[in-house]
Amino acid sequence: MTEDEAKKAILENLQGKSKTKSKFYLKDFYSMVPDMKPREIKNIVNKMVQEGHLEYWSSGSTTLIGLKGMGKQHQEED
């Protein structure tokens, strides 16, 4: 699987789950692209954050990743 195919698979998965859940642990991404190694997926997720497709969210002790502009904290800002 190429990097672009992996990015597409991740975005499709997140958009499909966006009605029930907006933030995910990094380990949740491993099942979205099962034929890639965790390190490769971590690098792809980091690139997607840099490109503006995804964003990090931190509670101080836990870091989650979600689609940019999605989730309760963004709804409250509107």
PDB file of N, CA and C in Angstrom:
ATOM      1  N   MET A   1       0.846  -1.174   0.000  1.00  0.00           N
ATOM      2  CA  MET A   1       0.000   0.000   0.000  1.00  0.00           C
ATOM      3  C   MET A   1       0.896   1.243   0.000  1.00  0.00           C
ATOM      4  N   THR A   2       0.559   2.181  -0.847  1.00  0.00           N
ATOM      5  CA  THR A   2       1.341   3.416  -0.916  1.00  0.00           C
ATOM      6  C   THR A   2       0.916   4.381   0.199  1.00  0.00           C
ATOM      7  N   GLU A   3       1.704   5.420   0.375  1.00  0.00           N
ATOM      8  CA  GLU A   3       1.392   6.422   1.399  1.00  0.00           C
ATOM      9  C   GLU A   3       0.070   7.120   1.090  1.00  0.00           C
ATOM     10  N   ASP A   4      -0.162   7.448  -0.182  1.00  0.00           N
ATOM     11  CA  ASP A   4      -1.410   8.122  -0.554  1.00  0.00           C
ATOM     12  C   ASP A   4      -2.622   7.231  -0.316  1.00  0.00           C
ATOM     13  N   GLU A   5      -2.487   5.939  -0.598  1.00  0.00           N
ATOM     14  CA  GLU A   5      -3.587   5.003  -0.332  1.00  0.00           C
ATOM     15  C   GLU A   5      -3.857   4.901   1.166  1.00  0.00           C
ATOM     16  N   ALA A   6      -2.804   4.907   1.950  1.00  0.00           N
ATOM     17  CA  ALA A   6      -2.957   4.845   3.407  1.00  0.00           C
ATOM     18  C   ALA A   6      -3.663   6.097   3.927  1.00  0.00           C
ATOM     19  N   LYS A   7      -3.270   7.269   3.432  1.00  0.00           N
ATOM     20  CA  LYS A   7      -3.915   8.517   3.838  1.00  0.00           C
ATOM     21  C   LYS A   7      -5.401   8.492   3.499  1.00  0.00           C
ATOM     22  N   LYS A   8      -5.717   8.004   2.307  1.00  0.00           N
ATOM     23  CA  LYS A   8      -7.117   7.930   1.877  1.00  0.00           C
ATOM     24  C   LYS A   8      -7.907   6.981   2.783  1.00  0.00           C
ATOM     25  N   ALA A   9      -7.312   5.829   3.111  1.00  0.00           N
ATOM     26  CA  ALA A   9      -7.978   4.853   3.978  1.00  0.00           C
ATOM     27  C   ALA A   9      -8.225   5.441   5.368  1.00  0.00           C
ATOM     28  N   ILE A  10      -7.259   6.177   5.882  1.00  0.00           N
ATOM     29  CA  ILE A  10      -7.408   6.795   7.207  1.00  0.00           C
ATOM     30  C   ILE A  10      -8.529   7.829   7.186  1.00  0.00           C
ATOM     31  N   LEU A  11      -8.522   8.703   6.184  1.00  0.00           N
ATOM     32  CA  LEU A  11      -9.563   9.734   6.102  1.00  0.00           C
ATOM     33  C   LEU A  11     -10.953   9.123   5.958  1.00  0.00           C
ATOM     34  N   GLU A  12     -11.076   8.092   5.128  1.00  0.00           N
ATOM     35  CA  GLU A  12     -12.380   7.435   4.943  1.00  0.00           C
ATOM     36  C   GLU A  12     -12.856   6.811   6.248  1.00  0.00           C
ATOM     37  N   ASN A  13     -11.945   6.161   6.975  1.00  0.00           N
ATOM     38  CA  ASN A  13     -12.300   5.560   8.261  1.00  0.00           C
ATOM     39  C   ASN A  13     -12.762   6.610   9.250  1.00  0.00           C
ATOM     40  N   LEU A  14     -12.027   7.693   9.361  1.00  0.00           N
ATOM     41  CA  LEU A  14     -12.380   8.740  10.322  1.00  0.00           C
ATOM     42  C   LEU A  14     -13.693   9.414   9.966  1.00  0.00           C
ATOM     43  N   GLN A  15     -13.926   9.662   8.686  1.00  0.00           N
ATOM     44  CA  GLN A  15     -15.179  10.285   8.268  1.00  0.00           C
ATOM     45  C   GLN A  15     -16.354   9.350   8.510  1.00  0.00           C
ATOM     46  N   GLY A  16     -16.150   8.060   8.347  1.00  0.00           N
ATOM     47  CA  GLY A  16     -17.214   7.088   8.605  1.00  0.00           C
ATOM     48  C   GLY A  16     -17.571   6.979  10.072  1.00  0.00           C
ATOM     49  N   LYS A  17     -16.597   7.204  10.942  1.00  0.00           N
ATOM     50  CA  LYS A  17     -16.825   7.095  12.384  1.00  0.00           C
ATOM     51  C   LYS A  17     -17.121   8.437  13.038  1.00  0.00           C
ATOM     52  N   SER A  18     -17.141   9.513  12.263  1.00  0.00           N
ATOM     53  CA  SER A  18     -17.247  10.861  12.837  1.00  0.00           C
ATOM     54  C   SER A  18     -18.569  11.112  13.554  1.00  0.00           C
ATOM     55  N   LYS A  19     -19.602  10.342  13.277  1.00  0.00           N
ATOM     56  CA  LYS A  19     -20.890  10.536  13.946  1.00  0.00           C
ATOM     57  C   LYS A  19     -20.840  10.048  15.393  1.00  0.00           C
ATOM     58  N   THR A  20     -19.993   9.054  15.666  1.00  0.00           N
ATOM     59  CA  THR A  20     -19.952   8.474  17.002  1.00  0.00           C
ATOM     60  C   THR A  20     -18.710   8.841  17.794  1.00  0.00           C
ATOM     61  N   LYS A  21     -17.619   9.137  17.098  1.00  0.00           N
ATOM     62  CA  LYS A  21     -16.364   9.390  17.790  1.00  0.00           C
ATOM     63  C   LYS A  21     -15.527  10.368  16.966  1.00  0.00           C
ATOM     64  N   SER A  22     -14.919  11.354  17.620  1.00  0.00           N
ATOM     65  CA  SER A  22     -14.159  12.340  16.857  1.00  0.00           C
ATOM     66  C   SER A  22     -12.652  12.276  17.112  1.00  0.00           C
ATOM     67  N   LYS A  23     -12.227  11.664  18.194  1.00  0.00           N
ATOM     68  CA  LYS A  23     -10.803  11.598  18.533  1.00  0.00           C
ATOM     69  C   LYS A  23     -10.389  10.146  18.742  1.00  0.00           C
ATOM     70  N   PHE A  24      -9.158   9.842  18.320  1.00  0.00           N
ATOM     71  CA  PHE A  24      -8.667   8.469  18.365  1.00  0.00           C
ATOM     72  C   PHE A  24      -7.248   8.421  18.909  1.00  0.00           C
ATOM     73  N   TYR A  25      -6.912   7.315  19.560  1.00  0.00           N
ATOM     74  CA  TYR A  25      -5.538   7.056  19.966  1.00  0.00           C
ATOM     75  C   TYR A  25      -4.742   6.672  18.730  1.00  0.00           C
ATOM     76  N   LEU A  26      -3.434   6.849  18.776  1.00  0.00           N
ATOM     77  CA  LEU A  26      -2.588   6.462  17.650  1.00  0.00           C
ATOM     78  C   LEU A  26      -2.757   4.979  17.342  1.00  0.00           C
ATOM     79  N   LYS A  27      -2.889   4.144  18.359  1.00  0.00           N
ATOM     80  CA  LYS A  27      -3.027   2.699  18.140  1.00  0.00           C
ATOM     81  C   LYS A  27      -4.297   2.347  17.363  1.00  0.00           C
ATOM     82  N   ASP A  28      -5.315   3.210  17.404  1.00  0.00           N
ATOM     83  CA  ASP A  28      -6.537   2.967  16.636  1.00  0.00           C
ATOM     84  C   ASP A  28      -6.277   3.045  15.130  1.00  0.00           C
ATOM     85  N   PHE A  29      -5.274   3.826  14.743  1.00  0.00           N
ATOM     86  CA  PHE A  29      -4.946   3.977  13.329  1.00  0.00           C
ATOM     87  C   PHE A  29      -4.303   2.716  12.766  1.00  0.00           C
ATOM     88  N   TYR A  30      -3.690   1.908  13.631  1.00  0.00           N
ATOM     89  CA  TYR A  30      -3.023   0.692  13.162  1.00  0.00           C
ATOM     90  C   TYR A  30      -4.004  -0.269  12.502  1.00  0.00           C
ATOM     91  N   SER A  31      -5.225  -0.337  13.005  1.00  0.00           N
ATOM     92  CA  SER A  31      -6.215  -1.249  12.421  1.00  0.00           C
ATOM     93  C   SER A  31      -6.810  -0.691  11.121  1.00  0.00           C
ATOM     94  N   MET A  32      -6.673   0.617  10.911  1.00  0.00           N
ATOM     95  CA  MET A  32      -7.187   1.223   9.681  1.00  0.00           C
ATOM     96  C   MET A  32      -6.304   0.898   8.486  1.00  0.00           C
ATOM     97  N   VAL A  33      -5.024   0.664   8.740  1.00  0.00           N
ATOM     98  CA  VAL A  33      -4.066   0.325   7.680  1.00  0.00           C
ATOM     99  C   VAL A  33      -3.281  -0.897   8.179  1.00  0.00           C
ATOM    100  N   PRO A  34      -3.911  -2.078   8.190  1.00  0.00           N
ATOM    101  CA  PRO A  34      -3.300  -3.250   8.828  1.00  0.00           C
ATOM    102  C   PRO A  34      -2.033  -3.787   8.152  1.00  0.00           C
ATOM    103  N   ASP A  35      -1.824  -3.484   6.878  1.00  0.00           N
ATOM    104  CA  ASP A  35      -0.651  -4.041   6.204  1.00  0.00           C
ATOM    105  C   ASP A  35       0.579  -3.144   6.278  1.00  0.00           C
ATOM    106  N   MET A  36       0.533  -2.109   7.133  1.00  0.00           N
ATOM    107  CA  MET A  36       1.698  -1.243   7.340  1.00  0.00           C
ATOM    108  C   MET A  36       2.165  -1.377   8.779  1.00  0.00           C
ATOM    109  N   LYS A  37       3.444  -1.101   8.994  1.00  0.00           N
ATOM    110  CA  LYS A  37       4.026  -1.175  10.331  1.00  0.00           C
ATOM    111  C   LYS A  37       3.614   0.055  11.139  1.00  0.00           C
ATOM    112  N   PRO A  38       3.522  -0.089  12.463  1.00  0.00           N
ATOM    113  CA  PRO A  38       3.125   1.036  13.310  1.00  0.00           C
ATOM    114  C   PRO A  38       3.977   2.293  13.106  1.00  0.00           C
ATOM    115  N   ARG A  39       5.259   2.145  12.911  1.00  0.00           N
ATOM    116  CA  ARG A  39       6.135   3.299  12.718  1.00  0.00           C
ATOM    117  C   ARG A  39       5.776   4.044  11.429  1.00  0.00           C
ATOM    118  N   GLU A  40       5.455   3.291  10.372  1.00  0.00           N
ATOM    119  CA  GLU A  40       5.054   3.911   9.108  1.00  0.00           C
ATOM    120  C   GLU A  40       3.745   4.686   9.282  1.00  0.00           C
ATOM    121  N   ILE A  41       2.817   4.107  10.012  1.00  0.00           N
ATOM    122  CA  ILE A  41       1.522   4.750  10.237  1.00  0.00           C
ATOM    123  C   ILE A  41       1.706   6.023  11.070  1.00  0.00           C
ATOM    124  N   LYS A  42       2.565   5.953  12.070  1.00  0.00           N
ATOM    125  CA  LYS A  42       2.837   7.139  12.894  1.00  0.00           C
ATOM    126  C   LYS A  42       3.387   8.266  12.021  1.00  0.00           C
ATOM    127  N   ASN A  43       4.303   7.943  11.118  1.00  0.00           N
ATOM    128  CA  ASN A  43       4.877   8.959  10.236  1.00  0.00           C
ATOM    129  C   ASN A  43       3.827   9.544   9.297  1.00  0.00           C
ATOM    130  N   ILE A  44       2.929   8.701   8.789  1.00  0.00           N
ATOM    131  CA  ILE A  44       1.858   9.173   7.903  1.00  0.00           C
ATOM    132  C   ILE A  44       0.904  10.087   8.667  1.00  0.00           C
ATOM    133  N   VAL A  45       0.538   9.704   9.889  1.00  0.00           N
ATOM    134  CA  VAL A  45      -0.357  10.527  10.703  1.00  0.00           C
ATOM    135  C   VAL A  45       0.300  11.882  10.979  1.00  0.00           C
ATOM    136  N   ASN A  46       1.580  11.883  11.302  1.00  0.00           N
ATOM    137  CA  ASN A  46       2.292  13.149  11.534  1.00  0.00           C
ATOM    138  C   ASN A  46       2.272  14.029  10.287  1.00  0.00           C
ATOM    139  N   LYS A  47       2.456  13.430   9.115  1.00  0.00           N
ATOM    140  CA  LYS A  47       2.403  14.199   7.867  1.00  0.00           C
ATOM    141  C   LYS A  47       1.009  14.774   7.639  1.00  0.00           C
ATOM    142  N   MET A  48      -0.008  13.987   7.959  1.00  0.00           N
ATOM    143  CA  MET A  48      -1.380  14.445   7.775  1.00  0.00           C
ATOM    144  C   MET A  48      -1.702  15.602   8.718  1.00  0.00           C
ATOM    145  N   VAL A  49      -1.108  15.609   9.902  1.00  0.00           N
ATOM    146  CA  VAL A  49      -1.277  16.738  10.827  1.00  0.00           C
ATOM    147  C   VAL A  49      -0.597  17.970  10.241  1.00  0.00           C
ATOM    148  N   GLN A  50       0.614  17.793   9.721  1.00  0.00           N
ATOM    149  CA  GLN A  50       1.348  18.916   9.123  1.00  0.00           C
ATOM    150  C   GLN A  50       0.615  19.476   7.909  1.00  0.00           C
ATOM    151  N   GLU A  51      -0.047  18.601   7.139  1.00  0.00           N
ATOM    152  CA  GLU A  51      -0.781  19.024   5.944  1.00  0.00           C
ATOM    153  C   GLU A  51      -2.126  19.661   6.291  1.00  0.00           C
ATOM    154  N   GLY A  52      -2.575  19.511   7.538  1.00  0.00           N
ATOM    155  CA  GLY A  52      -3.826  20.131   7.959  1.00  0.00           C
ATOM    156  C   GLY A  52      -5.055  19.246   7.841  1.00  0.00           C
ATOM    157  N   HIS A  53      -4.876  17.949   7.574  1.00  0.00           N
ATOM    158  CA  HIS A  53      -6.023  17.040   7.488  1.00  0.00           C
ATOM    159  C   HIS A  53      -6.458  16.573   8.881  1.00  0.00           C
ATOM    160  N   LEU A  54      -5.487  16.364   9.751  1.00  0.00           N
ATOM    161  CA  LEU A  54      -5.742  15.882  11.102  1.00  0.00           C
ATOM    162  C   LEU A  54      -5.197  16.898  12.099  1.00  0.00           C
ATOM    163  N   GLU A  55      -5.593  16.728  13.360  1.00  0.00           N
ATOM    164  CA  GLU A  55      -5.061  17.584  14.421  1.00  0.00           C
ATOM    165  C   GLU A  55      -4.897  16.772  15.692  1.00  0.00           C
ATOM    166  N   TYR A  56      -3.941  17.194  16.501  1.00  0.00           N
ATOM    167  CA  TYR A  56      -3.738  16.590  17.803  1.00  0.00           C
ATOM    168  C   TYR A  56      -4.627  17.290  18.817  1.00  0.00           C
ATOM    169  N   TRP A  57      -5.065  16.549  19.814  1.00  0.00           N
ATOM    170  CA  TRP A  57      -5.799  17.103  20.942  1.00  0.00           C
ATOM    171  C   TRP A  57      -5.215  16.466  22.196  1.00  0.00           C
ATOM    172  N   SER A  58      -4.915  17.270  23.194  1.00  0.00           N
ATOM    173  CA  SER A  58      -4.298  16.756  24.407  1.00  0.00           C
ATOM    174  C   SER A  58      -5.093  17.164  25.632  1.00  0.00           C
ATOM    175  N   SER A  59      -5.266  16.224  26.540  1.00  0.00           N
ATOM    176  CA  SER A  59      -5.915  16.516  27.810  1.00  0.00           C
ATOM    177  C   SER A  59      -4.875  16.846  28.871  1.00  0.00           C
ATOM    178  N   GLY A  60      -3.626  16.783  28.501  1.00  0.00           N
ATOM    179  CA  GLY A  60      -2.541  16.996  29.445  1.00  0.00           C
ATOM    180  C   GLY A  60      -1.808  15.707  29.720  1.00  0.00           C
ATOM    181  N   SER A  61      -2.560  14.620  29.798  1.00  0.00           N
ATOM    182  CA  SER A  61      -1.930  13.324  30.046  1.00  0.00           C
ATOM    183  C   SER A  61      -2.097  12.374  28.856  1.00  0.00           C
ATOM    184  N   THR A  62      -3.035  12.662  27.994  1.00  0.00           N
ATOM    185  CA  THR A  62      -3.326  11.796  26.858  1.00  0.00           C
ATOM    186  C   THR A  62      -3.389  12.630  25.591  1.00  0.00           C
ATOM    187  N   THR A  63      -2.804  12.114  24.534  1.00  0.00           N
ATOM    188  CA  THR A  63      -2.870  12.795  23.245  1.00  0.00           C
ATOM    189  C   THR A  63      -3.720  11.966  22.299  1.00  0.00           C
ATOM    190  N   LEU A  64      -4.722  12.614  21.714  1.00  0.00           N
ATOM    191  CA  LEU A  64      -5.601  11.965  20.750  1.00  0.00           C
ATOM    192  C   LEU A  64      -5.465  12.677  19.411  1.00  0.00           C
ATOM    193  N   ILE A  65      -5.937  12.015  18.356  1.00  0.00           N
ATOM    194  CA  ILE A  65      -5.836  12.559  17.010  1.00  0.00           C
ATOM    195  C   ILE A  65      -7.215  12.477  16.371  1.00  0.00           C
ATOM    196  N   GLY A  66      -7.599  13.527  15.653  1.00  0.00           N
ATOM    197  CA  GLY A  66      -8.891  13.521  14.982  1.00  0.00           C
ATOM    198  C   GLY A  66      -8.867  14.383  13.741  1.00  0.00           C
ATOM    199  N   LEU A  67      -9.973  14.364  13.021  1.00  0.00           N
ATOM    200  CA  LEU A  67     -10.100  15.210  11.838  1.00  0.00           C
ATOM    201  C   LEU A  67     -10.072  16.673  12.254  1.00  0.00           C
ATOM    202  N   LYS A  68      -9.426  17.478  11.493  1.00  0.00           N
ATOM    203  CA  LYS A  68      -9.316  18.902  11.818  1.00  0.00           C
ATOM    204  C   LYS A  68     -10.707  19.537  11.787  1.00  0.00           C
ATOM    205  N   GLY A  69     -11.053  20.259  12.844  1.00  0.00           N
ATOM    206  CA  GLY A  69     -12.323  20.961  12.916  1.00  0.00           C
ATOM    207  C   GLY A  69     -13.493  20.130  13.414  1.00  0.00           C
ATOM    208  N   MET A  70     -13.250  18.892  13.825  1.00  0.00           N
ATOM    209  CA  MET A  70     -14.331  18.035  14.305  1.00  0.00           C
ATOM    210  C   MET A  70     -14.251  17.882  15.819  1.00  0.00           C
ATOM    211  N   GLY A  71     -15.371  17.596  16.436  1.00  0.00           N
ATOM    212  CA  GLY A  71     -15.392  17.317  17.864  1.00  0.00           C
ATOM    213  C   GLY A  71     -16.097  18.397  18.657  1.00  0.00           C
ATOM    214  N   LYS A  72     -16.340  18.101  19.917  1.00  0.00           N
ATOM    215  CA  LYS A  72     -17.079  19.003  20.794  1.00  0.00           C
ATOM    216  C   LYS A  72     -16.403  20.345  20.972  1.00  0.00           C
ATOM    217  N   GLN A  73     -15.068  20.358  21.113  1.00  0.00           N
ATOM    218  CA  GLN A  73     -14.400  21.630  21.359  1.00  0.00           C
ATOM    219  C   GLN A  73     -14.587  22.584  20.201  1.00  0.00           C
ATOM    220  N   HIS A  74     -14.738  22.104  18.981  1.00  0.00           N
ATOM    221  CA  HIS A  74     -14.960  22.986  17.840  1.00  0.00           C
ATOM    222  C   HIS A  74     -16.413  23.446  17.757  1.00  0.00           C
ATOM    223  N   GLN A  75     -17.339  22.605  18.182  1.00  0.00           N
ATOM    224  CA  GLN A  75     -18.748  22.989  18.181  1.00  0.00           C
ATOM    225  C   GLN A  75     -18.996  24.094  19.194  1.00  0.00           C
ATOM    226  N   GLU A  76     -18.282  24.063  20.308  1.00  0.00           N
ATOM    227  CA  GLU A  76     -18.442  25.069  21.352  1.00  0.00           C
ATOM    228  C   GLU A  76     -17.894  26.418  20.898  1.00  0.00           C
ATOM    229  N   GLU A  77     -16.888  26.410  20.014  1.00  0.00           N
ATOM    230  CA  GLU A  77     -16.266  27.649  19.554  1.00  0.00           C
ATOM    231  C   GLU A  77     -17.138  28.411  18.582  1.00  0.00           C
ATOM    232  N   ASP A  78     -18.027  27.723  17.873  1.00  0.00           N
ATOM    233  CA  ASP A  78     -18.873  28.377  16.846  1.00  0.00           C
ATOM    234  C   ASP A  78     -19.859  29.336  17.440  1.00  0.00           C
TER     235      ASP A  78
END
